[in-house]
């Protein structure tokens, strides 16, 4: 069977035309769509990385704020305990002074009553001795 060179050349030209047309109308739009999709994915990844970084910074800020609040709370509790202790001590001192004052008053009253009783006994004795 003889080779028809005109058919071979025509087939080759048809193939080249097909490749050019496919490249222009098929591969170009597909390649642009793929590139657009890749760009969109990379933008999404970059945005996610930025948000992750912002979230990490926000987390650090919150941890720092939490530590400050803990320190402030501890300081305030310490101050409140110190005030409560000083108030307790002041109340104990006032109670001791009141007890000491009542005790002194009671001892003085007791001494007066003892002296009055001794005087009454002495008078009753002298009246009984005189009678």
N, C-alpha and C. Protein backbone atom coordinates (compact mmCIF):
# COMPACT_ATOMS: atom_id res chain seq x y z
N UNK A 1 0.83 -1.14 0.00
CA UNK A 1 0.00 0.00 0.00
C UNK A 1 0.90 1.23 0.00
N UNK A 2 0.64 2.10 -0.98
CA UNK A 2 1.48 3.28 -1.08
C UNK A 2 1.04 4.36 -0.09
N UNK A 3 1.99 5.15 0.39
CA UNK A 3 1.72 6.25 1.33
C UNK A 3 1.34 7.46 0.50
N UNK A 4 0.21 8.01 0.85
CA UNK A 4 -0.24 9.24 0.21
C UNK A 4 0.31 10.40 1.03
N UNK A 5 1.34 11.03 0.50
CA UNK A 5 2.02 12.09 1.26
C UNK A 5 1.12 13.30 1.44
N UNK A 6 0.22 13.53 0.54
CA UNK A 6 -0.69 14.66 0.71
C UNK A 6 -1.57 14.44 1.94
N UNK A 7 -2.04 13.24 2.18
CA UNK A 7 -2.88 12.93 3.34
C UNK A 7 -2.06 13.05 4.62
N UNK A 8 -0.80 12.60 4.58
CA UNK A 8 0.06 12.69 5.76
C UNK A 8 0.30 14.16 6.12
N UNK A 9 0.61 14.97 5.10
CA UNK A 9 0.85 16.39 5.35
C UNK A 9 -0.44 17.05 5.82
N UNK A 10 -1.55 16.71 5.20
CA UNK A 10 -2.84 17.29 5.61
C UNK A 10 -3.16 16.90 7.04
N UNK A 11 -2.91 15.65 7.40
CA UNK A 11 -3.14 15.20 8.77
C UNK A 11 -2.24 15.97 9.74
N UNK A 12 -0.99 16.18 9.36
CA UNK A 12 -0.06 16.92 10.23
C UNK A 12 -0.51 18.35 10.39
N UNK A 13 -0.93 18.99 9.29
CA UNK A 13 -1.43 20.36 9.36
C UNK A 13 -2.70 20.42 10.20
N UNK A 14 -3.60 19.47 10.01
CA UNK A 14 -4.81 19.40 10.83
C UNK A 14 -4.45 19.25 12.31
N UNK A 15 -3.46 18.40 12.59
CA UNK A 15 -3.04 18.20 13.98
C UNK A 15 -2.50 19.50 14.57
N UNK A 16 -1.65 20.20 13.80
CA UNK A 16 -1.09 21.47 14.28
C UNK A 16 -2.19 22.50 14.49
N UNK A 17 -3.15 22.56 13.58
CA UNK A 17 -4.29 23.50 13.74
C UNK A 17 -5.07 23.12 14.99
N UNK A 18 -5.30 21.81 15.19
CA UNK A 18 -6.02 21.35 16.38
C UNK A 18 -5.27 21.73 17.66
N UNK A 19 -3.92 21.57 17.65
CA UNK A 19 -3.12 21.93 18.83
C UNK A 19 -3.23 23.43 19.09
N UNK A 20 -3.13 24.25 18.05
CA UNK A 20 -3.21 25.72 18.22
C UNK A 20 -4.58 26.11 18.75
N UNK A 21 -5.64 25.55 18.15
CA UNK A 21 -6.99 25.87 18.61
C UNK A 21 -7.23 25.40 20.05
N UNK A 22 -6.77 24.21 20.37
CA UNK A 22 -6.96 23.71 21.74
C UNK A 22 -6.17 24.57 22.73
N UNK A 23 -4.99 24.96 22.31
CA UNK A 23 -4.18 25.79 23.21
C UNK A 23 -4.86 27.13 23.45
N UNK A 24 -5.44 27.70 22.38
CA UNK A 24 -6.06 29.01 22.50
C UNK A 24 -7.40 28.92 23.23
N UNK A 25 -8.23 27.98 22.89
CA UNK A 25 -9.59 27.95 23.41
C UNK A 25 -9.81 26.98 24.58
N UNK A 26 -8.92 26.05 24.79
CA UNK A 26 -9.13 25.08 25.86
C UNK A 26 -8.08 25.20 26.95
N UNK A 27 -6.83 25.08 26.60
CA UNK A 27 -5.78 25.09 27.61
C UNK A 27 -5.63 26.46 28.26
N UNK A 28 -5.76 27.54 27.49
CA UNK A 28 -5.63 28.90 28.04
C UNK A 28 -6.65 29.17 29.14
N UNK A 29 -7.97 28.99 28.85
CA UNK A 29 -8.96 29.22 29.91
C UNK A 29 -8.80 28.28 31.09
N UNK A 30 -8.46 27.03 30.80
CA UNK A 30 -8.27 26.08 31.91
C UNK A 30 -7.08 26.51 32.76
N UNK A 31 -5.98 26.88 32.08
CA UNK A 31 -4.79 27.31 32.82
C UNK A 31 -5.09 28.57 33.65
N UNK A 32 -5.83 29.53 33.04
CA UNK A 32 -6.19 30.74 33.79
C UNK A 32 -7.09 30.41 34.98
N UNK A 33 -8.03 29.48 34.78
CA UNK A 33 -8.91 29.08 35.87
C UNK A 33 -8.11 28.41 36.98
N UNK A 34 -7.16 27.56 36.62
CA UNK A 34 -6.32 26.89 37.62
C UNK A 34 -5.46 27.91 38.35
N UNK A 35 -4.88 28.85 37.62
CA UNK A 35 -4.05 29.88 38.25
C UNK A 35 -4.88 30.75 39.18
N UNK A 36 -6.10 31.10 38.73
CA UNK A 36 -6.99 31.89 39.59
C UNK A 36 -7.34 31.11 40.85
N UNK A 37 -7.59 29.84 40.69
CA UNK A 37 -7.91 29.00 41.85
C UNK A 37 -6.71 28.91 42.80
N UNK A 38 -5.52 28.70 42.24
CA UNK A 38 -4.31 28.66 43.07
C UNK A 38 -4.11 29.97 43.81
N UNK A 39 -4.32 31.09 43.11
CA UNK A 39 -4.18 32.40 43.76
C UNK A 39 -5.19 32.55 44.89
N UNK A 40 -6.42 32.12 44.63
CA UNK A 40 -7.46 32.20 45.66
C UNK A 40 -7.09 31.34 46.87
N UNK A 41 -6.57 30.15 46.62
CA UNK A 41 -6.17 29.26 47.71
C UNK A 41 -5.01 29.88 48.48
N UNK A 42 -4.03 30.43 47.77
CA UNK A 42 -2.89 31.05 48.46
C UNK A 42 -3.34 32.26 49.26
N UNK A 43 -4.27 33.05 48.70
CA UNK A 43 -4.80 34.19 49.45
C UNK A 43 -5.52 33.71 50.71
N UNK A 44 -6.29 32.63 50.57
CA UNK A 44 -6.99 32.08 51.74
C UNK A 44 -6.00 31.58 52.78
N UNK A 45 -4.94 30.91 52.32
CA UNK A 45 -3.92 30.42 53.25
C UNK A 45 -3.21 31.58 53.94
N UNK A 46 -2.89 32.63 53.17
CA UNK A 46 -2.22 33.80 53.75
C UNK A 46 -3.13 34.48 54.77
N UNK A 47 -4.43 34.59 54.42
CA UNK A 47 -5.39 35.20 55.34
C UNK A 47 -5.53 34.35 56.60
N UNK A 48 -5.56 33.03 56.44
CA UNK A 48 -5.65 32.14 57.61
C UNK A 48 -4.40 32.27 58.48
N UNK A 49 -3.24 32.39 57.85
CA UNK A 49 -2.01 32.55 58.63
C UNK A 49 -2.02 33.88 59.37
N UNK A 50 -2.51 34.94 58.72
CA UNK A 50 -2.62 36.24 59.39
C UNK A 50 -3.58 36.17 60.57
N UNK A 51 -4.71 35.51 60.36
CA UNK A 51 -5.68 35.39 61.45
C UNK A 51 -5.11 34.54 62.59
N UNK A 52 -4.35 33.51 62.24
CA UNK A 52 -3.71 32.69 63.27
C UNK A 52 -2.72 33.52 64.07
N UNK A 53 -1.95 34.33 63.37
CA UNK A 53 -0.99 35.20 64.05
C UNK A 53 -1.71 36.20 64.96
N UNK A 54 -2.78 36.79 64.43
CA UNK A 54 -3.55 37.73 65.25
C UNK A 54 -4.15 37.03 66.46
N UNK A 55 -4.66 35.82 66.26
CA UNK A 55 -5.23 35.07 67.39
C UNK A 55 -4.16 34.74 68.42
N UNK A 56 -2.97 34.39 67.96
CA UNK A 56 -1.87 34.09 68.90
C UNK A 56 -1.49 35.35 69.67
N UNK A 57 -1.43 36.49 68.98
CA UNK A 57 -1.11 37.75 69.67
C UNK A 57 -2.20 38.10 70.66
N UNK A 58 -3.45 37.91 70.26
CA UNK A 58 -4.56 38.19 71.16
C UNK A 58 -4.53 37.26 72.38
N UNK A 59 -4.17 36.00 72.13
CA UNK A 59 -4.06 35.04 73.24
C UNK A 59 -2.97 35.48 74.21
N UNK A 60 -1.83 35.92 73.68
CA UNK A 60 -0.74 36.39 74.54
C UNK A 60 -1.19 37.61 75.34
N UNK A 61 -1.90 38.53 74.68
CA UNK A 61 -2.40 39.72 75.38
C UNK A 61 -3.36 39.32 76.49
N UNK A 62 -4.23 38.35 76.20
CA UNK A 62 -5.17 37.89 77.22
C UNK A 62 -4.44 37.20 78.38
N UNK A 63 -3.42 36.42 78.06
CA UNK A 63 -2.64 35.77 79.12
C UNK A 63 -1.96 36.82 79.99
N UNK A 64 -1.41 37.85 79.34
CA UNK A 64 -0.75 38.92 80.09
C UNK A 64 -1.76 39.65 80.98
N UNK A 65 -2.94 39.95 80.41
CA UNK A 65 -3.99 40.63 81.17
C UNK A 65 -4.45 39.75 82.33
N UNK A 66 -4.58 38.45 82.08
CA UNK A 66 -4.99 37.52 83.13
C UNK A 66 -3.96 37.51 84.26
N UNK A 67 -2.68 37.50 83.89
CA UNK A 67 -1.62 37.52 84.90
C UNK A 67 -1.67 38.82 85.70
N UNK A 68 -1.92 39.94 85.00
CA UNK A 68 -2.04 41.22 85.71
C UNK A 68 -3.21 41.20 86.68
N UNK A 69 -4.34 40.64 86.23
CA UNK A 69 -5.52 40.57 87.09
C UNK A 69 -5.26 39.66 88.29
N UNK A 70 -4.57 38.56 88.06
CA UNK A 70 -4.22 37.66 89.17
C UNK A 70 -3.34 38.38 90.19
N UNK A 71 -2.35 39.11 89.69
CA UNK A 71 -1.46 39.84 90.58
C UNK A 71 -2.23 40.91 91.33
N UNK A 72 -3.11 41.61 90.63
CA UNK A 72 -3.92 42.65 91.27
C UNK A 72 -4.83 42.03 92.32
N UNK A 73 -5.43 40.90 91.98
CA UNK A 73 -6.30 40.23 92.93
C UNK A 73 -5.52 39.80 94.18
N UNK A 74 -4.35 39.20 93.96
CA UNK A 74 -3.53 38.77 95.09
C UNK A 74 -3.12 39.95 95.96
N UNK A 75 -2.77 41.07 95.30
CA UNK A 75 -2.38 42.26 96.05
C UNK A 75 -3.56 42.79 96.86
N UNK A 76 -4.74 42.82 96.22
CA UNK A 76 -5.93 43.33 96.92
C UNK A 76 -6.31 42.42 98.08
N UNK A 77 -6.19 41.12 97.87
CA UNK A 77 -6.50 40.18 98.96
C UNK A 77 -5.51 40.37 100.11
N UNK A 78 -4.24 40.55 99.77
CA UNK A 78 -3.23 40.80 100.80
C UNK A 78 -3.53 42.07 101.59
N UNK A 79 -3.89 43.13 100.85
CA UNK A 79 -4.22 44.39 101.52
C UNK A 79 -5.45 44.22 102.41
N UNK A 80 -6.46 43.50 101.91
CA UNK A 80 -7.67 43.29 102.70
C UNK A 80 -7.36 42.48 103.95
N UNK A 81 -6.51 41.48 103.80
CA UNK A 81 -6.13 40.68 104.98
C UNK A 81 -5.37 41.54 105.99
N UNK A 82 -4.47 42.39 105.49
CA UNK A 82 -3.71 43.26 106.39
C UNK A 82 -4.65 44.22 107.11
N UNK A 83 -5.62 44.80 106.35
CA UNK A 83 -6.59 45.70 107.00
C UNK A 83 -7.43 44.95 108.02
N UNK A 84 -7.86 43.75 107.65
CA UNK A 84 -8.67 42.95 108.58
C UNK A 84 -7.87 42.61 109.84
N UNK A 85 -6.60 42.26 109.65
CA UNK A 85 -5.75 41.94 110.80
C UNK A 85 -5.55 43.15 111.69
N UNK A 86 -5.31 44.32 111.06
CA UNK A 86 -5.12 45.52 111.89
C UNK A 86 -6.42 45.90 112.60
N UNK A 87 -7.56 45.73 111.92
CA UNK A 87 -8.86 46.02 112.55
C UNK A 87 -9.11 45.03 113.68
N UNK A 88 -8.77 43.76 113.46
CA UNK A 88 -8.93 42.75 114.51
C UNK A 88 -8.07 43.10 115.72
N UNK A 89 -6.82 43.49 115.43
CA UNK A 89 -5.91 43.86 116.51
C UNK A 89 -6.44 45.09 117.27
N UNK A 90 -6.97 46.08 116.50
CA UNK A 90 -7.52 47.28 117.15
C UNK A 90 -8.72 46.92 118.02
N UNK A 91 -9.58 46.04 117.51
CA UNK A 91 -10.74 45.63 118.30
C UNK A 91 -10.32 44.84 119.54
N UNK A 92 -9.31 43.97 119.39
CA UNK A 92 -8.82 43.23 120.55
C UNK A 92 -8.22 44.18 121.59
N UNK A 93 -7.45 45.17 121.12
CA UNK A 93 -6.88 46.15 122.05
C UNK A 93 -7.98 46.94 122.76
N UNK A 94 -9.01 47.34 122.01
CA UNK A 94 -10.12 48.08 122.63
C UNK A 94 -10.84 47.20 123.64
N UNK A 95 -11.03 45.91 123.28
CA UNK A 95 -11.70 44.99 124.22
C UNK A 95 -10.84 44.80 125.46
N UNK A 96 -9.53 44.68 125.28
CA UNK A 96 -8.65 44.53 126.46
C UNK A 96 -8.71 45.78 127.35
N UNK A 97 -8.70 46.95 126.70
CA UNK A 97 -8.80 48.18 127.50
C UNK A 97 -10.12 48.23 128.26
N UNK A 98 -11.21 47.84 127.58
CA UNK A 98 -12.52 47.83 128.26
C UNK A 98 -12.52 46.83 129.41
N UNK A 99 -11.95 45.66 129.18
CA UNK A 99 -11.90 44.64 130.23
C UNK A 99 -11.04 45.14 131.39
N UNK A 100 -9.89 45.75 131.07
CA UNK A 100 -9.04 46.28 132.13
C UNK A 100 -9.74 47.39 132.90
N UNK A 101 -10.47 48.25 132.19
CA UNK A 101 -11.20 49.33 132.86
C UNK A 101 -12.30 48.75 133.75
N UNK A 102 -13.04 47.77 133.24
CA UNK A 102 -14.10 47.14 134.05
C UNK A 102 -13.49 46.42 135.26
N UNK A 103 -12.35 45.77 135.02
CA UNK A 103 -11.69 45.05 136.11
C UNK A 103 -11.24 46.04 137.20
N UNK A 104 -10.62 47.14 136.76
CA UNK A 104 -10.18 48.16 137.72
C UNK A 104 -11.37 48.74 138.46
N UNK A 105 -12.44 49.01 137.72
CA UNK A 105 -13.66 49.55 138.35
C UNK A 105 -14.22 48.54 139.33
N UNK A 106 -14.23 47.27 138.94
CA UNK A 106 -14.77 46.24 139.82
C UNK A 106 -13.90 46.10 141.07
N UNK A 107 -12.56 46.11 140.88
CA UNK A 107 -11.67 46.00 142.03
C UNK A 107 -11.84 47.19 142.98
N UNK A 108 -11.99 48.40 142.40
CA UNK A 108 -12.20 49.58 143.24
C UNK A 108 -13.52 49.47 143.98
N UNK A 109 -14.57 49.01 143.30
CA UNK A 109 -15.88 48.84 143.93
C UNK A 109 -15.78 47.78 145.03
N UNK A 110 -15.06 46.70 144.72
CA UNK A 110 -14.87 45.65 145.71
C UNK A 110 -14.12 46.19 146.93
N UNK A 111 -13.08 46.98 146.69
CA UNK A 111 -12.31 47.55 147.80
C UNK A 111 -13.20 48.48 148.63
N UNK A 112 -14.01 49.32 147.96
CA UNK A 112 -14.91 50.22 148.70
C UNK A 112 -15.92 49.43 149.53
N UNK A 113 -16.47 48.39 148.93
CA UNK A 113 -17.45 47.58 149.65
C UNK A 113 -16.78 46.86 150.82
N UNK A 114 -15.54 46.38 150.59
CA UNK A 114 -14.82 45.72 151.67
C UNK A 114 -14.54 46.70 152.80
N UNK A 115 -14.09 47.92 152.42
CA UNK A 115 -13.81 48.93 153.44
C UNK A 115 -15.10 49.32 154.17
N UNK A 116 -16.21 49.46 153.42
CA UNK A 116 -17.49 49.82 154.05
C UNK A 116 -17.94 48.70 154.98
N UNK A 117 -17.77 47.47 154.54
CA UNK A 117 -18.15 46.33 155.37
C UNK A 117 -17.28 46.26 156.62
N UNK A 118 -15.97 46.54 156.43
CA UNK A 118 -15.08 46.53 157.59
C UNK A 118 -15.46 47.66 158.56
N UNK A 119 -15.81 48.81 158.00
CA UNK A 119 -16.23 49.92 158.87
C UNK A 119 -17.52 49.57 159.58
N UNK A 120 -18.47 48.94 158.85
CA UNK A 120 -19.73 48.55 159.47
C UNK A 120 -19.49 47.51 160.56
N UNK A 121 -18.60 46.57 160.30
CA UNK A 121 -18.29 45.54 161.31
C UNK A 121 -17.61 46.21 162.50
N UNK A 122 -16.70 47.16 162.21
CA UNK A 122 -16.02 47.87 163.31
C UNK A 122 -17.02 48.66 164.14
N UNK A 123 -17.94 49.36 163.51
CA UNK A 123 -18.94 50.13 164.24
C UNK A 123 -19.87 49.21 165.03
N UNK A 124 -20.25 48.11 164.36
CA UNK A 124 -21.15 47.18 165.06
C UNK A 124 -20.43 46.58 166.24
N UNK A 125 -19.13 46.32 166.10
CA UNK A 125 -18.35 45.75 167.19
C UNK A 125 -18.25 46.77 168.32
N UNK A 126 -17.94 48.05 167.94
CA UNK A 126 -17.81 49.07 168.99
C UNK A 126 -19.15 49.34 169.64
N UNK A 127 -20.23 49.29 168.91
CA UNK A 127 -21.54 49.49 169.53
C UNK A 127 -21.88 48.31 170.44
N UNK A 128 -21.51 47.13 170.01
CA UNK A 128 -21.79 45.96 170.82
C UNK A 128 -20.90 45.96 172.07
N UNK A 129 -19.68 46.49 171.94
CA UNK A 129 -18.78 46.52 173.08
C UNK A 129 -19.22 47.61 174.05
N UNK A 130 -19.77 48.69 173.59
CA UNK A 130 -20.22 49.79 174.42
C UNK A 130 -21.55 49.44 175.08
N UNK A 131 -22.29 48.67 174.61
CA UNK A 131 -23.59 48.40 175.17
C UNK A 131 -23.52 47.45 176.26
